[in-house]
Amino acid sequence: MTLKQLEAFYWATTLGTFAIAAERLHVTQSSLSKRIAELEGNIGHALFDRSGQRAVLTAAGEALLPQAQQMLALEQTIRQGLEVEGTLRGPCRLGISELTATTWFPALVRRIHTEHPGVELKPQVGLGKSMERLVERGELDFAVVTGDVATASVASQTVAKVEFAWMAAPTRLRKGTLLHAELLKHHPVILSTSDSGLTGALRTWTAAHGVQMREVVACNSLTAILAMTVAGVGISFLPKRYVAPLIRRQLLVALRSDPPLPRPEYHFIWRQDDTRRLVAVMKHLVTEEVDFSAGNPLWAI
């Protein structure tokens, strides 16, 4: 019995599929299956019932799972005790939003390349709830998302709060207009799709205050939301510091809100059972580098 066999068994069970577990361990699916088969031969018991469409744990597999977890946790503790600064290596799969990608993410990339050149960053840009699902399944090592985490197996730490405001083209509403519930009924609202934590926060706000939106234009791209708002298609819920250059150019105007808008939180999320030093180091670096007031570098070109 080897740690690699126990590792293959543990992650195949925890992540739900052999394919995702193989990706997590950076091996082929056939290699992962071979390790599990060798483990079964070594202990003399089948760990998975493969008679159905999906393999499920046998009684022996159920009994072995917590012991395998303890063995791998001990291995991780030993490794962390022996590791020194700068030894991080291998792929790092992370999920970020478009806002993160166009503000502070370039600074984070530069710092990681300087301090941990052996780390290979593999970013994926998407919306909060989809990123949470990928973290839960082990397809991402961590993500930075908005909205409350609803999955028990996913841990969360708040890393930033961002001030948002209603925005409109000056041809649609005047600067400083007080946007109240009655006025909101007369303007289409351009929002991210339901997987966005920002949209979830705004929906919670409207429900709490009895505010109704007459028409919603759904879009999963921040750039497209900005473009449609500038074009006068509708109003949108946007980060104030991020769009400040567009306000200065008189392409957008900020509106006041009654009741006041929520101030969304951004969270670093990871699997509860992922105790790797990689995750701990990345959480520390993200906490130090997160800065949503950073401007979009492309707008300066």
Protein backbone atom coordinates (compact mmCIF):
# COMPACT_ATOMS: atom_id res chain seq x y z
CA MET A 1 0.00 0.00 0.00
CA THR A 2 1.40 3.40 -1.00
CA LEU A 3 0.46 7.01 -0.37
CA LYS A 4 -0.09 7.50 -4.11
CA GLN A 5 -2.67 4.69 -4.06
CA LEU A 6 -4.43 6.16 -1.03
CA GLU A 7 -4.32 9.59 -2.64
CA ALA A 8 -5.91 8.27 -5.84
CA PHE A 9 -8.65 6.55 -3.84
CA TYR A 10 -9.33 9.57 -1.60
CA TRP A 11 -9.65 12.13 -4.39
CA ALA A 12 -11.66 9.84 -6.67
CA THR A 13 -14.12 9.46 -3.80
CA THR A 14 -14.10 13.09 -2.67
CA LEU A 15 -14.32 14.69 -6.11
CA GLY A 16 -16.92 12.26 -7.40
CA THR A 17 -15.29 11.14 -10.66
CA PHE A 18 -12.07 9.46 -11.69
CA ALA A 19 -11.59 12.04 -14.48
CA ILE A 20 -11.59 15.06 -12.14
CA ALA A 21 -9.42 13.24 -9.59
CA ALA A 22 -6.89 12.40 -12.30
CA GLU A 23 -6.76 16.04 -13.36
CA ARG A 24 -6.31 17.12 -9.74
CA LEU A 25 -3.37 14.73 -9.30
CA HIS A 26 -1.90 15.53 -12.76
CA VAL A 27 -2.02 11.92 -13.94
CA THR A 28 -3.96 10.14 -16.66
CA GLN A 29 -7.28 8.54 -15.78
CA SER A 30 -5.86 5.11 -16.59
CA SER A 31 -2.95 5.70 -14.17
CA LEU A 32 -5.38 6.72 -11.44
CA SER A 33 -7.55 3.65 -12.06
CA LYS A 34 -4.44 1.45 -11.94
CA ARG A 35 -3.42 2.87 -8.55
CA ILE A 36 -6.87 2.21 -7.13
CA ALA A 37 -6.89 -1.34 -8.55
CA GLU A 38 -3.46 -1.96 -6.98
CA LEU A 39 -4.77 -0.69 -3.64
CA GLU A 40 -7.78 -3.00 -3.87
CA GLY A 41 -5.48 -5.93 -4.65
CA ASN A 42 -3.21 -5.02 -1.75
CA ILE A 43 -5.96 -4.92 0.89
CA GLY A 44 -8.00 -7.75 -0.64
CA HIS A 45 -11.27 -5.81 -0.90
CA ALA A 46 -13.11 -3.98 -3.65
CA LEU A 47 -13.38 -0.27 -2.76
CA PHE A 48 -15.86 0.66 -5.47
CA ASP A 49 -18.96 -1.10 -6.76
CA ARG A 50 -18.64 -0.65 -10.52
CA SER A 51 -21.79 -2.54 -11.52
CA GLY A 52 -23.87 0.61 -12.13
CA GLN A 53 -23.41 3.58 -14.42
CA ARG A 54 -21.36 5.31 -11.72
CA ALA A 55 -18.90 3.73 -9.31
CA VAL A 56 -19.99 3.95 -5.66
CA LEU A 57 -18.13 3.07 -2.47
CA THR A 58 -18.42 -0.40 -1.01
CA ALA A 59 -18.49 -1.01 2.76
CA ALA A 60 -14.72 -1.47 2.64
CA GLY A 61 -14.35 1.80 0.79
CA GLU A 62 -16.49 3.61 3.37
CA ALA A 63 -14.32 2.20 6.16
CA LEU A 64 -11.05 3.12 4.43
CA LEU A 65 -11.98 6.70 3.48
CA PRO A 66 -11.46 8.43 6.88
CA GLN A 67 -8.23 6.50 7.44
CA ALA A 68 -6.94 7.51 4.02
CA GLN A 69 -7.78 11.12 4.84
CA GLN A 70 -5.80 10.88 8.09
CA MET A 71 -2.78 9.41 6.29
CA LEU A 72 -2.79 12.15 3.64
CA ALA A 73 -3.24 14.86 6.28
CA LEU A 74 -0.20 13.49 8.12
CA GLU A 75 1.81 13.45 4.90
CA GLN A 76 0.84 17.10 4.28
CA THR A 77 1.87 18.07 7.81
CA ILE A 78 5.28 16.44 7.31
CA ARG A 79 5.78 18.14 3.95
CA GLN A 80 4.81 21.56 5.29
CA GLY A 81 7.22 21.15 8.17
CA LEU A 82 10.09 20.48 5.77
CA GLU A 83 9.24 23.01 3.07
CA VAL A 84 11.08 26.32 2.85
CA GLU A 85 10.10 29.58 1.17
CA GLY A 86 10.17 29.47 -2.60
CA THR A 87 9.60 25.75 -3.09
CA LEU A 88 6.09 25.97 -4.55
CA ARG A 89 5.91 24.29 -7.94
CA GLY A 90 3.37 23.03 -10.42
CA PRO A 91 0.03 24.23 -11.76
CA CYS A 92 -2.25 26.55 -9.82
CA ARG A 93 -5.85 26.59 -11.11
CA LEU A 94 -7.73 29.67 -10.00
CA GLY A 95 -11.07 31.28 -10.76
CA ILE A 96 -11.53 35.05 -11.06
CA SER A 97 -14.13 37.51 -12.27
CA GLU A 98 -13.74 39.90 -15.20
CA LEU A 99 -13.44 42.78 -12.71
CA THR A 100 -10.55 41.03 -10.95
CA ALA A 101 -8.87 40.20 -14.26
CA THR A 102 -8.91 43.87 -15.31
CA THR A 103 -7.86 45.46 -12.00
CA TRP A 104 -5.44 43.87 -9.52
CA PHE A 105 -4.80 40.47 -11.15
CA PRO A 106 -1.81 41.63 -13.26
CA ALA A 107 -0.05 42.78 -10.06
CA LEU A 108 -0.73 39.40 -8.43
CA VAL A 109 0.69 37.59 -11.47
CA ARG A 110 3.88 39.66 -11.36
CA ARG A 111 4.35 38.94 -7.65
CA ILE A 112 3.78 35.20 -8.06
CA HIS A 113 6.23 35.04 -10.96
CA THR A 114 8.83 36.84 -8.82
CA GLU A 115 8.37 34.97 -5.54
CA HIS A 116 7.27 31.56 -6.82
CA PRO A 117 8.60 31.14 -10.38
CA GLY A 118 7.92 27.40 -10.27
CA VAL A 119 4.16 27.97 -10.08
CA GLU A 120 2.27 27.72 -13.38
CA LEU A 121 -0.85 29.89 -13.20
CA LYS A 122 -3.96 28.55 -14.94
CA PRO A 123 -6.66 31.22 -14.50
CA GLN A 124 -10.29 30.81 -15.50
CA VAL A 125 -12.60 33.81 -15.78
CA GLY A 126 -16.25 33.33 -14.90
CA LEU A 127 -19.13 34.17 -12.58
CA GLY A 128 -19.26 33.51 -8.85
CA LYS A 129 -21.60 30.54 -8.56
CA SER A 130 -19.99 28.66 -11.45
CA MET A 131 -16.56 29.27 -9.86
CA GLU A 132 -17.87 27.94 -6.53
CA ARG A 133 -19.06 24.75 -8.21
CA LEU A 134 -15.64 24.24 -9.83
CA VAL A 135 -13.89 24.73 -6.47
CA GLU A 136 -16.28 22.25 -4.86
CA ARG A 137 -15.54 19.64 -7.54
CA GLY A 138 -11.79 20.20 -7.22
CA GLU A 139 -11.40 21.58 -10.74
CA LEU A 140 -10.09 24.85 -9.29
CA ASP A 141 -7.66 25.20 -6.39
CA PHE A 142 -9.31 28.45 -5.32
CA ALA A 143 -11.37 31.36 -6.60
CA VAL A 144 -12.10 34.99 -5.74
CA VAL A 145 -15.85 35.56 -5.98
CA THR A 146 -18.73 37.69 -4.71
CA GLY A 147 -21.76 36.41 -2.86
CA ASP A 148 -22.27 34.07 0.05
CA VAL A 149 -20.88 30.54 -0.24
CA ALA A 150 -23.69 27.99 -0.10
CA THR A 151 -21.60 24.80 -0.19
CA ALA A 152 -20.58 23.21 3.12
CA SER A 153 -17.39 21.72 1.66
CA VAL A 154 -16.13 25.13 0.48
CA ALA A 155 -14.41 27.53 2.91
CA SER A 156 -14.53 31.30 2.50
CA GLN A 157 -12.56 34.33 3.69
CA THR A 158 -13.56 37.93 2.93
CA VAL A 159 -10.76 39.83 1.18
CA ALA A 160 -12.44 43.07 0.04
CA LYS A 161 -15.57 45.21 -0.02
CA VAL A 162 -16.33 47.28 -3.10
CA GLU A 163 -18.55 50.35 -3.42
CA PHE A 164 -21.07 50.06 -6.26
CA ALA A 165 -23.52 52.62 -7.64
CA TRP A 166 -26.23 52.90 -10.25
CA MET A 167 -24.80 54.23 -13.51
CA ALA A 168 -26.44 55.59 -16.64
CA ALA A 169 -25.57 57.40 -19.84
CA PRO A 170 -26.08 61.18 -19.49
CA THR A 171 -28.58 60.96 -22.34
CA ARG A 172 -30.81 58.72 -20.19
CA LEU A 173 -30.56 60.30 -16.71
CA ARG A 174 -28.90 63.37 -15.26
CA LYS A 175 -25.90 63.19 -12.94
CA GLY A 176 -26.91 62.75 -9.31
CA THR A 177 -30.50 61.71 -10.08
CA LEU A 178 -32.09 60.04 -7.04
CA LEU A 179 -33.07 56.60 -8.24
CA HIS A 180 -35.97 55.39 -6.12
CA ALA A 181 -38.33 52.44 -6.52
CA GLU A 182 -40.86 54.27 -8.68
CA LEU A 183 -38.27 55.72 -11.06
CA LEU A 184 -36.51 52.34 -11.36
CA LYS A 185 -39.65 50.89 -12.94
CA HIS A 186 -39.16 53.15 -15.97
CA HIS A 187 -35.64 52.05 -16.93
CA PRO A 188 -34.26 48.70 -18.13
CA VAL A 189 -31.59 47.31 -15.78
CA ILE A 190 -28.53 45.68 -17.36
CA LEU A 191 -27.35 42.87 -15.07
CA SER A 192 -25.06 39.88 -15.07
CA THR A 193 -26.77 36.50 -15.34
CA SER A 194 -28.00 34.57 -12.29
CA ASP A 195 -24.62 32.90 -11.67
CA SER A 196 -23.18 36.27 -10.65
CA GLY A 197 -22.80 36.97 -6.95
CA LEU A 198 -23.34 40.66 -7.71
CA THR A 199 -26.69 39.92 -9.27
CA GLY A 200 -27.59 37.79 -6.26
CA ALA A 201 -26.72 40.67 -3.91
CA LEU A 202 -28.84 43.10 -5.94
CA ARG A 203 -31.77 40.66 -6.07
CA THR A 204 -31.60 40.32 -2.28
CA TRP A 205 -31.61 44.13 -1.99
CA THR A 206 -34.66 44.53 -4.24
CA ALA A 207 -36.56 41.83 -2.34
CA ALA A 208 -35.71 43.38 1.05
CA HIS A 209 -36.91 46.81 0.01
CA GLY A 210 -39.84 45.86 -2.19
CA VAL A 211 -38.15 47.28 -5.30
CA GLN A 212 -39.28 46.01 -8.69
CA MET A 213 -37.26 46.08 -11.89
CA ARG A 214 -39.52 46.48 -14.93
CA GLU A 215 -37.11 45.02 -17.47
CA VAL A 216 -33.80 43.19 -17.06
CA VAL A 217 -31.20 42.89 -19.80
CA ALA A 218 -29.04 39.86 -18.89
CA CYS A 219 -25.37 39.78 -19.84
CA ASN A 220 -22.37 37.78 -18.55
CA SER A 221 -19.69 40.28 -19.62
CA LEU A 222 -18.70 43.39 -17.63
CA THR A 223 -17.32 44.99 -20.81
CA ALA A 224 -20.62 44.45 -22.62
CA ILE A 225 -22.61 45.80 -19.65
CA LEU A 226 -20.46 48.94 -19.72
CA ALA A 227 -20.86 49.33 -23.47
CA MET A 228 -24.64 48.97 -23.34
CA THR A 229 -24.88 51.40 -20.43
CA VAL A 230 -22.80 53.98 -22.29
CA ALA A 231 -25.04 53.44 -25.34
CA GLY A 232 -28.09 54.30 -23.24
CA VAL A 233 -29.73 50.86 -23.40
CA GLY A 234 -30.43 50.99 -19.66
CA ILE A 235 -28.93 51.57 -16.22
CA SER A 236 -26.51 49.26 -14.46
CA PHE A 237 -25.00 48.41 -11.07
CA LEU A 238 -21.26 49.10 -11.37
CA PRO A 239 -18.12 49.59 -9.20
CA LYS A 240 -17.61 53.35 -8.74
CA ARG A 241 -13.82 53.47 -8.76
CA TYR A 242 -13.57 51.18 -11.77
CA VAL A 243 -15.80 53.33 -13.99
CA ALA A 244 -14.43 56.68 -12.75
CA PRO A 245 -12.49 57.27 -16.04
CA LEU A 246 -15.75 56.86 -18.00
CA ILE A 247 -17.47 59.33 -15.68
CA ARG A 248 -14.66 61.87 -16.19
CA ARG A 249 -15.08 61.48 -19.95
CA GLN A 250 -18.82 62.12 -19.48
CA LEU A 251 -19.73 58.75 -20.95
CA LEU A 252 -21.44 57.73 -17.70
CA VAL A 253 -23.05 59.50 -14.76
CA ALA A 254 -23.38 58.19 -11.21
CA LEU A 255 -26.85 58.12 -9.66
CA ARG A 256 -27.90 58.31 -6.03
CA SER A 257 -29.95 55.44 -4.63
CA ASP A 258 -32.89 55.34 -2.22
CA PRO A 259 -32.62 53.00 -0.42
CA PRO A 260 -28.79 52.84 -0.40
CA LEU A 261 -27.23 50.05 -2.41
CA PRO A 262 -25.39 47.11 -0.77
CA ARG A 263 -21.60 47.06 -0.69
CA PRO A 264 -20.67 43.64 -2.10
CA GLU A 265 -17.98 41.54 -0.47
CA TYR A 266 -15.36 39.56 -2.37
CA HIS A 267 -14.25 36.23 -0.94
CA PHE A 268 -11.29 33.90 -1.38
CA ILE A 269 -12.82 30.41 -1.49
CA TRP A 270 -11.23 26.94 -1.37
CA ARG A 271 -12.15 23.38 -0.42
CA GLN A 272 -12.38 22.83 3.34
CA ASP A 273 -10.25 19.70 3.11
CA ASP A 274 -7.52 21.26 0.94
CA THR A 275 -4.64 21.90 3.37
CA ARG A 276 -1.90 22.31 0.77
CA ARG A 277 0.65 25.06 1.28
CA LEU A 278 -0.15 26.26 -2.25
CA VAL A 279 -3.64 27.34 -1.16
CA ALA A 280 -2.40 28.97 2.06
CA VAL A 281 0.29 30.96 0.20
CA MET A 282 -2.11 32.06 -2.53
CA LYS A 283 -4.65 33.20 0.06
CA HIS A 284 -1.95 35.32 1.70
CA LEU A 285 -0.84 36.84 -1.61
CA VAL A 286 -4.38 37.58 -2.76
CA THR A 287 -5.18 39.25 0.58
CA GLU A 288 -2.15 41.51 0.17
CA GLU A 289 -2.64 42.32 -3.53
CA VAL A 290 -6.42 42.66 -3.83
CA ASP A 291 -7.20 46.23 -4.91
CA PHE A 292 -10.40 46.90 -6.83
CA SER A 293 -9.54 50.60 -7.05
CA ALA A 294 -6.81 49.74 -9.57
CA GLY A 295 -7.68 51.01 -13.02
CA ASN A 296 -8.14 48.89 -16.11
CA PRO A 297 -4.64 49.03 -17.70
CA LEU A 298 -6.14 48.86 -21.20
CA TRP A 299 -8.04 52.12 -20.73
CA ALA A 300 -4.74 53.97 -20.42
CA ILE A 301 -3.63 52.92 -23.91
